[in-house]
Amino acid sequence: MSFFTSFITDKKKQVVLFSSTAIALYGYDQGMMSLINTNKDYLSTMGISEDDPLVGVIVSVYYLGCAVGAVLFSSFADRYGRKKGILACLATAALGNVIMFISGLGYDQAAIVVMFIGRIVMGLGVGGVDSVVPVYSSELSSDDSRGKALAQEFQMNIFGLNMAFAINLGVTVSLGKWNQWAWRIPIICMQVFPFAMFAVIEKLPESPRWLVYNDKPEEALKSLEALFGEEESKERVEQLKEAHKSESGQSVSYWDMLTPGHTQWHATVVTIMGKPLEDVRPFLTLIDYGAGQINQALTGYGAVSVYGPQIAELLGFGVRESEYLTMGNYISYFILMTFAWLLIDALGRRKLLVGGSLWLGVCFGLMTVFGGLAMNATELQIPIKAVAIPGMVVLYIATGAFGVGWLATVWLIPTEIFPTTARAQGTAISVIIWGLANFAVTLLTPIMFNNLEYWIFLIFCATNAFAGIWTYVYLPESGNRSFEENQQFFKDAKEAGTWRVSKVKGGEYKRLPYPTSGEGDNAEREPLLNRVRDQLG
């Protein structure tokens, strides 16, 4: 009973749950489309075959919508507030979902066009959610718990994926692949997320940072008091006012970030050539964390989550077996995500990302072997299950490695390193690059499956090696540092004349400063079990 009483009165827990439910929308769409893509009535209604490239196009245009939605709604949230921005995102996602539901319902002509429109509109809303919600969550979290909060939210992302796939699997088994309701019901069930959030968002505090930066210090104080109590809130609001003063006039526009001719663009080119920097922060950050999103797409797991059943079939399992095994993989994924929020503030972002790439590279290398053996089992006189089962075990391990290492981290970092005046734009750019990268991956994956078969896993093995090396060399550790401390990295990089992390301030930004461990060389010597115990507190 005390847990529920604590939850009712604890605004921080309510914010985490609300943000988690919003992030679950993204996971729901992945789980939803994986079985819809194989529904015979859906394919017939859209006028396409299962191996038609348009299957991948329908999935991937959603990510183009996400890219555009990130820009539109981050700007909206900067102008009108984080909460109003989230409401607008949810309404747009709900509208797109309804359009998808009615595509081909009672008519045949242009059903695929309506589905395309629905996917794009829903992408607009979900892209906005992915852009605004991490900013809202991070601005309401303590410096030493931002990672845990966002990782918990992304565990709910996997809950959404599980929920969608379970509903999909249940109606497919009950109604069959030729029944239209076997693909329409999973689509419309997504409405539970936005309507639940519409009901509670007014009870949550607005971002105190946004309020201070929009000259509403009294309202900011009330938000802080709801989160941290009266005494601590007075100190925090003064810190926000000081940060606002120091960042005044430092606004960074998309134009500054993306076009040649501006100081930031030239400075980045100079940096790549290894000469002294001028003001590298905005575009350097775009490269650092935009590349993080590209690297996340290149890990290959976006393709695995959308085309999970097809991968199980490639390994040698039957259609229904593949569907059940995929459901098991998603359940395992949800459970293993617990390690993400236990470790992200205990080990840091860099170690999780590099370690995740290492595990994924090994797993995809093994899956190349098992996939090749499975597809040639008859000629090699190997029992198909002798390679299919270990191949599926490796896929489960890869899923966990991606969840712990790469799922939440690349969404968290952009919210930690920008000044408030550019945080929403920075996160939006992160979503734009994520959307474009995933558009390419989900568009090409079915084509690659049809043409490369198991060799696709070897490609993912190589891209994970690239992602891990790039991250180790260039990505600073942003965990357990204030927003202002993270922005200091770019000033130090300017003085050092390089953006290799090991060369900036003696490699200080390679390390995670842990609150109870002291400074310098002692910064990472707190025993890991003690750190994990702190996360459970």
Protein backbone atom coordinates (compact mmCIF):
# COMPACT_ATOMS: atom_id res chain seq x y z
CA MET A 1 0.00 0.00 0.00
CA SER A 2 2.88 2.36 0.77
CA PHE A 3 4.18 1.94 -2.81
CA PHE A 4 0.88 3.14 -4.27
CA THR A 5 0.65 5.99 -1.77
CA SER A 6 4.20 7.01 -2.68
CA PHE A 7 3.38 6.87 -6.38
CA ILE A 8 0.27 9.03 -5.99
CA THR A 9 2.26 11.74 -4.19
CA ASP A 10 5.61 11.44 -6.04
CA LYS A 11 5.57 13.63 -9.15
CA LYS A 12 8.97 12.31 -10.30
CA LYS A 13 7.61 8.76 -10.52
CA GLN A 14 4.51 10.03 -12.29
CA VAL A 15 6.64 11.88 -14.85
CA VAL A 16 8.68 8.71 -15.50
CA LEU A 17 5.51 6.63 -15.98
CA PHE A 18 3.94 9.24 -18.24
CA SER A 19 7.10 9.60 -20.34
CA SER A 20 7.43 5.80 -20.46
CA THR A 21 3.91 5.45 -21.82
CA ALA A 22 4.64 8.06 -24.49
CA ILE A 23 7.85 6.28 -25.54
CA ALA A 24 5.90 2.98 -25.70
CA LEU A 25 4.20 4.32 -28.84
CA TYR A 26 7.39 3.80 -30.85
CA GLY A 27 7.78 0.23 -29.62
CA TYR A 28 4.13 -0.50 -30.30
CA ASP A 29 4.50 0.41 -33.96
CA GLN A 30 7.48 -1.92 -34.40
CA GLY A 31 5.64 -4.86 -32.85
CA MET A 32 2.46 -4.01 -34.74
CA MET A 33 3.96 -4.01 -38.24
CA SER A 34 6.05 -7.17 -37.87
CA LEU A 35 3.03 -9.51 -38.24
CA ILE A 36 0.84 -7.15 -40.27
CA ASN A 37 3.50 -7.44 -42.99
CA THR A 38 2.69 -11.17 -43.32
CA ASN A 39 -1.13 -10.91 -43.10
CA LYS A 40 -2.64 -12.16 -46.38
CA ASP A 41 -5.70 -9.90 -46.24
CA TYR A 42 -3.52 -6.85 -45.57
CA LEU A 43 -1.29 -7.65 -48.54
CA SER A 44 -4.32 -8.27 -50.74
CA THR A 45 -6.02 -5.04 -49.62
CA MET A 46 -2.84 -3.07 -50.36
CA GLY A 47 -2.50 -4.85 -53.72
CA ILE A 48 1.02 -6.14 -53.05
CA SER A 49 2.79 -9.48 -52.51
CA GLU A 50 4.82 -10.46 -49.46
CA ASP A 51 8.14 -10.02 -51.28
CA ASP A 52 7.12 -6.74 -52.95
CA PRO A 53 9.53 -3.87 -52.13
CA LEU A 54 6.45 -1.78 -51.27
CA VAL A 55 6.14 -3.80 -48.03
CA GLY A 56 9.35 -2.15 -46.87
CA VAL A 57 8.33 1.24 -48.27
CA ILE A 58 5.09 1.24 -46.24
CA VAL A 59 7.09 0.50 -43.08
CA SER A 60 9.85 2.98 -43.83
CA VAL A 61 7.84 6.10 -44.79
CA TYR A 62 6.84 6.26 -41.14
CA TYR A 63 10.44 7.21 -40.34
CA LEU A 64 10.35 10.07 -42.84
CA GLY A 65 7.29 11.33 -40.97
CA CYS A 66 9.27 11.00 -37.72
CA ALA A 67 12.07 13.16 -39.13
CA VAL A 68 9.68 15.96 -40.12
CA GLY A 69 7.65 15.65 -36.91
CA ALA A 70 10.79 16.07 -34.81
CA VAL A 71 11.41 19.50 -36.32
CA LEU A 72 7.79 20.67 -36.18
CA PHE A 73 7.04 19.59 -32.63
CA SER A 74 10.38 20.49 -31.07
CA SER A 75 9.84 24.02 -32.36
CA PHE A 76 6.26 23.95 -31.07
CA ALA A 77 7.46 22.73 -27.65
CA ASP A 78 10.10 25.47 -27.47
CA ARG A 79 7.48 28.11 -28.15
CA TYR A 80 4.45 26.85 -26.22
CA GLY A 81 5.92 24.51 -23.60
CA ARG A 82 6.94 20.87 -23.32
CA LYS A 83 3.52 19.68 -22.12
CA LYS A 84 1.59 21.36 -24.93
CA GLY A 85 4.13 20.00 -27.39
CA ILE A 86 3.57 16.46 -26.11
CA LEU A 87 -0.22 16.88 -26.35
CA ALA A 88 0.09 17.98 -29.98
CA CYS A 89 2.33 14.99 -30.75
CA LEU A 90 -0.11 12.53 -29.19
CA ALA A 91 -3.08 13.99 -31.07
CA THR A 92 -1.20 13.71 -34.39
CA ALA A 93 -0.11 10.12 -33.70
CA ALA A 94 -3.70 9.17 -32.79
CA LEU A 95 -5.00 10.72 -36.03
CA GLY A 96 -2.45 8.85 -38.13
CA ASN A 97 -3.38 5.62 -36.40
CA VAL A 98 -7.06 6.09 -37.27
CA ILE A 99 -6.18 6.78 -40.92
CA MET A 100 -4.18 3.51 -41.01
CA PHE A 101 -7.12 1.65 -39.48
CA ILE A 102 -9.63 2.80 -42.12
CA SER A 103 -7.34 2.16 -45.13
CA GLY A 104 -9.26 -0.18 -47.45
CA LEU A 105 -12.14 -0.52 -44.97
CA GLY A 106 -15.18 -0.99 -47.23
CA TYR A 107 -13.33 0.08 -50.37
CA ASP A 108 -10.41 -1.20 -52.46
CA GLN A 109 -9.30 1.68 -54.61
CA ALA A 110 -6.34 3.68 -53.31
CA ALA A 111 -6.18 1.72 -50.03
CA ILE A 112 -2.39 1.75 -50.18
CA VAL A 113 -2.40 5.54 -50.63
CA VAL A 114 -4.49 5.97 -47.48
CA MET A 115 -2.12 3.61 -45.63
CA PHE A 116 0.86 5.69 -46.76
CA ILE A 117 -0.85 8.86 -45.50
CA GLY A 118 -1.65 7.21 -42.17
CA ARG A 119 1.93 5.97 -41.73
CA ILE A 120 3.35 9.43 -42.46
CA VAL A 121 0.92 11.26 -40.15
CA MET A 122 1.52 8.77 -37.35
CA GLY A 123 5.26 9.19 -37.94
CA LEU A 124 4.88 12.94 -37.52
CA GLY A 125 3.36 12.42 -34.08
CA VAL A 126 5.74 9.71 -32.89
CA GLY A 127 8.75 11.68 -34.18
CA GLY A 128 7.54 14.59 -32.08
CA VAL A 129 7.16 12.30 -29.06
CA ASP A 130 10.69 10.96 -29.55
CA SER A 131 12.00 14.52 -29.78
CA VAL A 132 10.08 16.27 -27.00
CA VAL A 133 9.57 13.58 -24.34
CA PRO A 134 13.30 12.86 -23.67
CA VAL A 135 13.88 16.61 -23.27
CA TYR A 136 10.90 16.94 -20.92
CA SER A 137 12.03 13.92 -18.88
CA SER A 138 15.68 15.01 -18.62
CA GLU A 139 14.75 18.55 -17.58
CA LEU A 140 12.71 17.14 -14.70
CA SER A 141 15.35 14.63 -13.52
CA SER A 142 18.38 14.98 -11.22
CA ASP A 143 21.85 14.96 -12.81
CA ASP A 144 22.69 11.54 -11.34
CA SER A 145 19.41 9.86 -12.37
CA ARG A 146 18.74 11.07 -15.92
CA GLY A 147 20.02 7.84 -17.43
CA LYS A 148 18.00 5.62 -15.12
CA ALA A 149 14.82 7.60 -15.79
CA LEU A 150 15.15 7.46 -19.58
CA ALA A 151 16.22 3.79 -19.59
CA GLN A 152 13.12 2.94 -17.55
CA GLU A 153 11.06 4.84 -20.10
CA PHE A 154 12.63 2.83 -22.92
CA GLN A 155 11.90 -0.38 -21.06
CA MET A 156 8.29 0.66 -21.53
CA ASN A 157 9.13 1.10 -25.21
CA ILE A 158 9.74 -2.65 -25.23
CA PHE A 159 6.53 -3.18 -23.28
CA GLY A 160 4.76 -1.43 -26.16
CA LEU A 161 6.50 -3.73 -28.63
CA ASN A 162 5.45 -6.78 -26.57
CA MET A 163 1.88 -5.55 -26.25
CA ALA A 164 1.54 -4.99 -30.01
CA PHE A 165 3.07 -8.32 -30.97
CA ALA A 166 1.02 -10.22 -28.38
CA ILE A 167 -2.24 -8.67 -29.65
CA ASN A 168 -1.12 -9.31 -33.22
CA LEU A 169 -0.23 -12.93 -32.50
CA GLY A 170 -3.44 -13.54 -30.54
CA VAL A 171 -5.77 -12.27 -33.26
CA THR A 172 -3.71 -13.97 -35.99
CA VAL A 173 -3.96 -17.34 -34.26
CA SER A 174 -7.68 -16.82 -33.51
CA LEU A 175 -8.84 -15.31 -36.80
CA GLY A 176 -6.24 -16.44 -39.33
CA LYS A 177 -4.03 -14.58 -41.77
CA TRP A 178 -6.87 -14.06 -44.26
CA ASN A 179 -9.08 -12.12 -41.83
CA GLN A 180 -8.92 -8.31 -42.11
CA TRP A 181 -9.55 -7.83 -38.37
CA ALA A 182 -6.35 -9.76 -37.64
CA TRP A 183 -4.45 -6.68 -38.85
CA ARG A 184 -6.93 -3.88 -38.13
CA ILE A 185 -7.45 -4.69 -34.42
CA PRO A 186 -3.72 -4.36 -33.52
CA ILE A 187 -3.65 -0.98 -35.27
CA ILE A 188 -6.60 0.57 -33.45
CA CYS A 189 -5.54 -0.83 -30.05
CA MET A 190 -2.69 1.70 -30.10
CA GLN A 191 -5.24 4.38 -29.18
CA VAL A 192 -5.04 3.26 -25.54
CA PHE A 193 -1.70 5.08 -25.18
CA PRO A 194 -2.62 8.63 -26.28
CA PHE A 195 -6.00 8.61 -24.58
CA ALA A 196 -4.52 7.43 -21.27
CA MET A 197 -1.96 10.25 -21.47
CA PHE A 198 -4.54 12.87 -22.43
CA ALA A 199 -6.27 12.06 -19.14
CA VAL A 200 -3.28 12.71 -16.87
CA ILE A 201 -0.94 15.23 -18.50
CA GLU A 202 -2.58 18.28 -16.89
CA LYS A 203 -1.67 16.94 -13.44
CA LEU A 204 2.06 16.89 -14.25
CA PRO A 205 4.50 19.81 -13.82
CA GLU A 206 5.83 21.80 -16.76
CA SER A 207 9.60 21.82 -17.30
CA PRO A 208 11.06 24.34 -14.81
CA ARG A 209 13.93 25.05 -17.22
CA TRP A 210 11.50 25.99 -19.97
CA LEU A 211 9.56 28.19 -17.54
CA VAL A 212 12.68 30.05 -16.36
CA TYR A 213 13.89 30.53 -19.93
CA ASN A 214 10.48 31.96 -20.81
CA ASP A 215 10.48 34.44 -17.90
CA LYS A 216 8.11 32.51 -15.63
CA PRO A 217 10.23 31.97 -12.50
CA GLU A 218 7.25 31.77 -10.13
CA GLU A 219 5.70 28.93 -12.11
CA ALA A 220 9.12 27.27 -12.34
CA LEU A 221 9.38 27.35 -8.54
CA LYS A 222 5.99 25.64 -8.23
CA SER A 223 7.09 22.91 -10.66
CA LEU A 224 10.30 22.38 -8.72
CA GLU A 225 8.45 22.23 -5.41
CA ALA A 226 6.23 19.47 -6.82
CA LEU A 227 9.36 17.51 -7.75
CA PHE A 228 11.96 18.26 -5.05
CA GLY A 229 10.25 19.94 -2.12
CA GLU A 230 10.24 23.57 -1.00
CA GLU A 231 13.77 23.94 0.44
CA GLU A 232 15.70 22.36 -2.44
CA SER A 233 13.52 24.11 -5.03
CA LYS A 234 14.65 27.61 -4.05
CA GLU A 235 18.28 26.68 -4.64
CA ARG A 236 17.47 24.96 -7.94
CA VAL A 237 15.48 27.87 -9.32
CA GLU A 238 18.38 30.21 -8.59
CA GLN A 239 20.73 27.83 -10.41
CA LEU A 240 18.37 27.84 -13.39
CA LYS A 241 18.31 31.64 -13.40
CA GLU A 242 22.12 31.72 -13.41
CA ALA A 243 22.25 29.19 -16.23
CA HIS A 244 19.74 31.28 -18.16
CA LYS A 245 21.95 34.37 -17.77
CA SER A 246 25.07 32.54 -18.95
CA GLU A 247 23.25 31.09 -21.99
CA SER A 248 21.54 34.31 -23.04
CA GLY A 249 22.31 35.09 -26.66
CA GLN A 250 23.66 31.56 -27.30
CA SER A 251 20.64 30.39 -29.28
CA VAL A 252 21.60 27.95 -32.05
CA SER A 253 19.26 27.59 -35.04
CA TYR A 254 18.94 24.74 -37.51
CA TRP A 255 20.42 27.11 -40.07
CA ASP A 256 23.52 27.53 -37.89
CA MET A 257 23.85 23.77 -37.56
CA LEU A 258 23.27 22.63 -41.11
CA THR A 259 24.52 25.21 -43.65
CA PRO A 260 27.98 26.06 -45.01
CA GLY A 261 29.17 29.63 -44.59
CA HIS A 262 28.47 29.86 -40.87
CA THR A 263 31.25 29.87 -38.30
CA GLN A 264 30.22 26.48 -36.90
CA TRP A 265 30.36 24.79 -40.29
CA HIS A 266 33.81 26.14 -41.12
CA ALA A 267 35.11 25.32 -37.66
CA THR A 268 34.01 21.70 -38.04
CA VAL A 269 35.79 21.34 -41.35
CA VAL A 270 38.90 22.83 -39.76
CA THR A 271 38.57 20.42 -36.85
CA ILE A 272 38.47 17.43 -39.19
CA MET A 273 41.71 18.71 -40.72
CA GLY A 274 43.26 18.70 -37.23
CA LYS A 275 43.80 22.46 -36.74
CA PRO A 276 42.68 24.71 -33.88
CA LEU A 277 38.97 25.21 -33.31
CA GLU A 278 36.83 28.32 -33.19
CA ASP A 279 33.30 27.54 -31.94
CA VAL A 280 32.80 23.89 -32.72
CA ARG A 281 30.03 22.93 -30.30
CA PRO A 282 26.84 23.03 -32.38
CA PHE A 283 27.97 21.22 -35.49
CA LEU A 284 30.40 18.95 -33.66
CA THR A 285 27.53 17.88 -31.45
CA LEU A 286 25.39 17.25 -34.51
CA ILE A 287 28.06 14.94 -35.88
CA ASP A 288 28.72 13.24 -32.52
CA TYR A 289 25.15 12.47 -31.61
CA GLY A 290 23.65 12.35 -35.06
CA ALA A 291 26.25 9.72 -35.82
CA GLY A 292 25.13 7.99 -32.64
CA GLN A 293 21.69 7.66 -34.18
CA ILE A 294 23.16 6.48 -37.49
CA ASN A 295 25.25 3.96 -35.59
CA GLN A 296 22.17 2.77 -33.71
CA ALA A 297 20.45 2.12 -37.04
CA LEU A 298 23.58 0.39 -38.34
CA THR A 299 23.58 -2.04 -35.41
CA GLY A 300 20.85 -3.77 -37.43
CA TYR A 301 18.44 -4.26 -34.60
CA GLY A 302 15.73 -2.04 -36.09
CA ALA A 303 15.49 -4.57 -38.89
CA VAL A 304 15.47 -7.45 -36.41
CA SER A 305 12.58 -5.97 -34.41
CA VAL A 306 10.40 -5.33 -37.48
CA TYR A 307 11.26 -8.52 -39.37
CA GLY A 308 11.76 -10.89 -36.42
CA PRO A 309 9.52 -13.74 -37.65
CA GLN A 310 11.21 -13.72 -41.08
CA ILE A 311 14.63 -14.08 -39.40
CA ALA A 312 13.41 -17.09 -37.41
CA GLU A 313 12.11 -18.64 -40.64
CA LEU A 314 15.47 -18.01 -42.30
CA LEU A 315 17.10 -19.96 -39.44
CA GLY A 316 14.85 -22.93 -40.23
CA PHE A 317 11.75 -22.63 -38.04
CA GLY A 318 8.19 -22.94 -39.31
CA VAL A 319 5.85 -19.95 -39.63
CA ARG A 320 3.94 -20.43 -36.37
CA GLU A 321 7.08 -21.49 -34.50
CA SER A 322 8.78 -18.32 -35.72
CA GLU A 323 5.94 -16.16 -34.44
CA TYR A 324 6.04 -17.75 -30.98
CA LEU A 325 9.83 -17.54 -30.81
CA THR A 326 9.68 -13.87 -31.78
CA MET A 327 7.20 -13.25 -28.97
CA GLY A 328 9.62 -14.99 -26.60
CA ASN A 329 12.46 -12.82 -27.87
CA TYR A 330 10.46 -9.66 -27.16
CA ILE A 331 9.62 -10.83 -23.63
CA SER A 332 13.30 -11.55 -23.02
CA TYR A 333 14.08 -8.09 -24.44
CA PHE A 334 11.75 -6.44 -21.92
CA ILE A 335 13.27 -8.32 -18.98
CA LEU A 336 16.88 -7.66 -20.02
CA MET A 337 16.14 -3.93 -20.33
CA THR A 338 16.23 -3.91 -16.51
CA PHE A 339 20.02 -4.09 -16.80
CA ALA A 340 19.98 -0.92 -18.92
CA TRP A 341 18.58 1.28 -16.16
CA LEU A 342 20.68 -0.48 -13.50
CA LEU A 343 23.91 0.14 -15.42
CA ILE A 344 23.51 3.35 -17.41
CA ASP A 345 24.27 5.64 -14.44
CA ALA A 346 26.59 3.09 -12.80
CA LEU A 347 28.90 2.31 -15.76
CA GLY A 348 28.20 5.28 -18.00
CA ARG A 349 27.01 5.75 -21.58
CA ARG A 350 30.31 5.02 -23.35
CA LYS A 351 30.88 1.60 -21.81
CA LEU A 352 27.34 0.45 -22.55
CA LEU A 353 27.56 1.58 -26.18
CA VAL A 354 30.98 0.08 -26.88
CA GLY A 355 30.13 -3.13 -25.02
CA GLY A 356 26.82 -3.39 -26.87
CA SER A 357 28.59 -3.07 -30.24
CA LEU A 358 31.07 -5.78 -29.27
CA TRP A 359 28.35 -8.24 -28.27
CA LEU A 360 26.23 -7.43 -31.32
CA GLY A 361 29.18 -7.86 -33.68
CA VAL A 362 29.96 -11.30 -32.24
CA CYS A 363 26.30 -12.34 -32.32
CA PHE A 364 25.75 -11.28 -35.93
CA GLY A 365 28.96 -13.05 -36.94
CA LEU A 366 27.64 -16.26 -35.35
CA MET A 367 24.23 -15.76 -36.97
CA THR A 368 25.94 -15.59 -40.38
CA VAL A 369 27.37 -19.03 -39.66
CA PHE A 370 24.13 -20.50 -38.30
CA GLY A 371 22.06 -18.95 -41.08
CA GLY A 372 24.38 -20.38 -43.72
CA LEU A 373 24.28 -23.83 -42.12
CA ALA A 374 20.48 -23.70 -41.82
CA MET A 375 19.96 -22.79 -45.47
CA ASN A 376 22.34 -25.54 -46.58
CA ALA A 377 21.35 -28.13 -43.96
CA THR A 378 20.00 -30.62 -46.51
CA GLU A 379 23.15 -30.64 -48.63
CA LEU A 380 25.34 -30.80 -45.52
CA GLN A 381 23.09 -33.48 -43.96
CA ILE A 382 22.73 -31.48 -40.74
CA PRO A 383 19.53 -31.67 -38.65
CA ILE A 384 17.91 -28.25 -39.14
CA LYS A 385 17.13 -27.77 -35.44
CA ALA A 386 20.80 -28.40 -34.57
CA VAL A 387 21.62 -25.01 -36.09
CA ALA A 388 18.25 -23.24 -35.79
CA ILE A 389 18.12 -23.49 -31.98
CA PRO A 390 21.60 -22.09 -31.25
CA GLY A 391 20.96 -19.44 -33.92
CA MET A 392 17.84 -18.33 -32.07
CA VAL A 393 19.69 -18.31 -28.74
CA VAL A 394 22.27 -15.99 -30.29
CA LEU A 395 19.47 -13.75 -31.60
CA TYR A 396 18.06 -13.51 -28.06
CA ILE A 397 21.51 -12.49 -26.76
CA ALA A 398 21.85 -9.90 -29.53
CA THR A 399 18.48 -8.47 -28.60
CA GLY A 400 19.54 -8.05 -24.99
CA ALA A 401 22.87 -6.51 -26.01
CA PHE A 402 21.11 -3.92 -28.16
CA GLY A 403 18.59 -3.10 -25.42
CA VAL A 404 21.20 -2.60 -22.72
CA GLY A 405 23.79 -0.89 -24.90
CA TRP A 406 22.10 1.05 -27.67
CA LEU A 407 18.39 1.58 -27.13
CA ALA A 408 18.15 4.37 -24.53
CA THR A 409 21.68 5.80 -24.57
CA VAL A 410 21.58 7.51 -27.96
CA TRP A 411 18.28 9.18 -27.06
CA LEU A 412 19.61 10.32 -23.70
CA ILE A 413 22.88 11.95 -24.73
CA PRO A 414 21.46 14.75 -26.95
CA THR A 415 19.27 15.86 -24.05
CA GLU A 416 22.35 16.23 -21.83
CA ILE A 417 24.85 18.24 -23.88
CA PHE A 418 22.96 21.17 -25.42
CA PRO A 419 22.16 24.46 -23.68
CA THR A 420 18.45 24.92 -22.98
CA THR A 421 18.16 27.36 -25.91
CA ALA A 422 19.21 24.61 -28.34
CA ARG A 423 18.22 21.40 -26.53
CA ALA A 424 14.99 20.80 -28.41
CA GLN A 425 16.64 21.51 -31.79
CA GLY A 426 19.53 19.21 -30.93
CA THR A 427 17.22 16.40 -29.93
CA ALA A 428 15.14 17.04 -33.06
CA ILE A 429 18.24 16.69 -35.25
CA SER A 430 18.97 13.44 -33.46
CA VAL A 431 15.45 12.20 -34.32
CA ILE A 432 15.78 13.45 -37.92
CA ILE A 433 18.96 11.46 -38.47
CA TRP A 434 17.46 8.45 -36.67
CA GLY A 435 14.38 8.69 -38.88
CA LEU A 436 16.37 8.94 -42.12
CA ALA A 437 18.74 6.15 -41.10
CA ASN A 438 15.89 3.84 -40.11
CA PHE A 439 14.01 4.76 -43.28
CA ALA A 440 16.98 3.47 -45.26
CA VAL A 441 17.48 0.36 -43.10
CA THR A 442 13.82 -0.72 -43.01
CA LEU A 443 13.45 0.02 -46.73
CA LEU A 444 16.51 -2.02 -47.68
CA THR A 445 16.15 -4.87 -45.18
CA PRO A 446 13.43 -6.87 -46.99
CA ILE A 447 15.32 -6.37 -50.26
CA MET A 448 18.55 -7.55 -48.62
CA PHE A 449 16.79 -10.53 -47.04
CA ASN A 450 15.46 -11.56 -50.44
CA ASN A 451 18.83 -11.17 -52.17
CA LEU A 452 21.57 -11.63 -49.55
CA GLU A 453 19.77 -14.06 -47.24
CA TYR A 454 22.02 -14.90 -44.26
CA TRP A 455 24.89 -12.71 -45.52
CA ILE A 456 22.92 -9.71 -44.26
CA PHE A 457 24.11 -10.64 -40.76
CA LEU A 458 27.74 -10.29 -41.83
CA ILE A 459 26.98 -6.73 -42.96
CA PHE A 460 25.54 -5.98 -39.52
CA CYS A 461 28.64 -7.53 -37.93
CA ALA A 462 30.82 -5.05 -39.83
CA THR A 463 28.61 -2.03 -39.09
CA ASN A 464 28.68 -2.84 -35.37
CA ALA A 465 32.48 -2.88 -35.46
CA PHE A 466 32.41 0.58 -37.04
CA ALA A 467 29.86 1.86 -34.48
CA GLY A 468 31.91 0.60 -31.52
CA ILE A 469 35.23 2.03 -32.72
CA TRP A 470 33.70 5.40 -33.66
CA THR A 471 31.99 5.66 -30.26
CA TYR A 472 35.17 4.82 -28.35
CA VAL A 473 37.22 7.44 -30.18
CA TYR A 474 34.80 10.37 -30.36
CA LEU A 475 32.00 10.12 -27.81
CA PRO A 476 32.47 11.92 -24.45
CA GLU A 477 30.94 10.51 -21.29
CA SER A 478 27.96 12.69 -20.31
CA GLY A 479 26.71 10.68 -17.33
CA ASN A 480 26.67 12.12 -13.79
CA ARG A 481 27.53 15.59 -15.13
CA SER A 482 25.30 18.64 -15.13
CA PHE A 483 24.11 20.10 -18.42
CA GLU A 484 26.59 22.93 -17.96
CA GLU A 485 29.50 20.54 -17.25
CA ASN A 486 28.73 18.62 -20.43
CA GLN A 487 28.73 21.82 -22.46
CA GLN A 488 32.21 22.51 -21.05
CA PHE A 489 33.54 19.58 -23.10
CA PHE A 490 33.15 21.59 -26.30
CA LYS A 491 35.04 24.54 -24.85
CA ASP A 492 37.82 22.20 -23.74
CA ALA A 493 37.84 20.57 -27.20
CA LYS A 494 38.28 24.03 -28.69
CA GLU A 495 41.35 24.64 -26.53
CA ALA A 496 42.76 21.18 -27.27
CA GLY A 497 42.29 21.58 -31.04
CA THR A 498 40.78 18.11 -31.43
CA TRP A 499 37.56 16.23 -30.88
CA ARG A 500 39.14 12.88 -30.01
CA VAL A 501 37.99 12.33 -26.43
CA SER A 502 41.30 10.91 -25.24
CA LYS A 503 43.07 14.12 -26.31
CA VAL A 504 40.72 16.53 -24.54
CA LYS A 505 41.75 17.51 -20.99
CA GLY A 506 43.83 14.37 -20.44
CA GLY A 507 40.98 12.03 -21.33
CA GLU A 508 38.81 13.28 -18.46
CA TYR A 509 35.66 12.94 -20.58
CA LYS A 510 36.28 9.24 -21.16
CA ARG A 511 35.45 8.62 -17.52
CA LEU A 512 32.21 8.59 -15.56
CA PRO A 513 32.47 10.82 -12.46
CA TYR A 514 30.70 8.92 -9.72
CA PRO A 515 29.28 11.06 -6.86
CA THR A 516 30.79 9.06 -3.99
CA SER A 517 34.14 8.30 -5.60
CA GLY A 518 35.99 11.60 -5.49
CA GLU A 519 37.78 13.22 -8.41
CA GLY A 520 40.37 12.35 -11.04
CA ASP A 521 41.73 8.82 -11.03
CA ASN A 522 39.33 7.83 -8.25
CA ALA A 523 36.30 8.83 -10.31
CA GLU A 524 35.53 5.28 -11.43
CA ARG A 525 36.82 3.21 -8.51
CA GLU A 526 33.56 2.84 -6.65
CA PRO A 527 32.78 -0.93 -6.70
CA LEU A 528 30.23 -1.80 -9.39
CA LEU A 529 27.94 -3.60 -6.96
CA ASN A 530 27.78 -0.47 -4.82
CA ARG A 531 26.84 1.57 -7.88
CA VAL A 532 24.13 -0.89 -8.88
CA ARG A 533 22.81 -0.86 -5.29
CA ASP A 534 22.55 2.93 -5.55
CA GLN A 535 20.28 2.56 -8.59
CA LEU A 536 17.93 0.33 -6.60
CA GLY A 537 17.61 2.95 -3.87
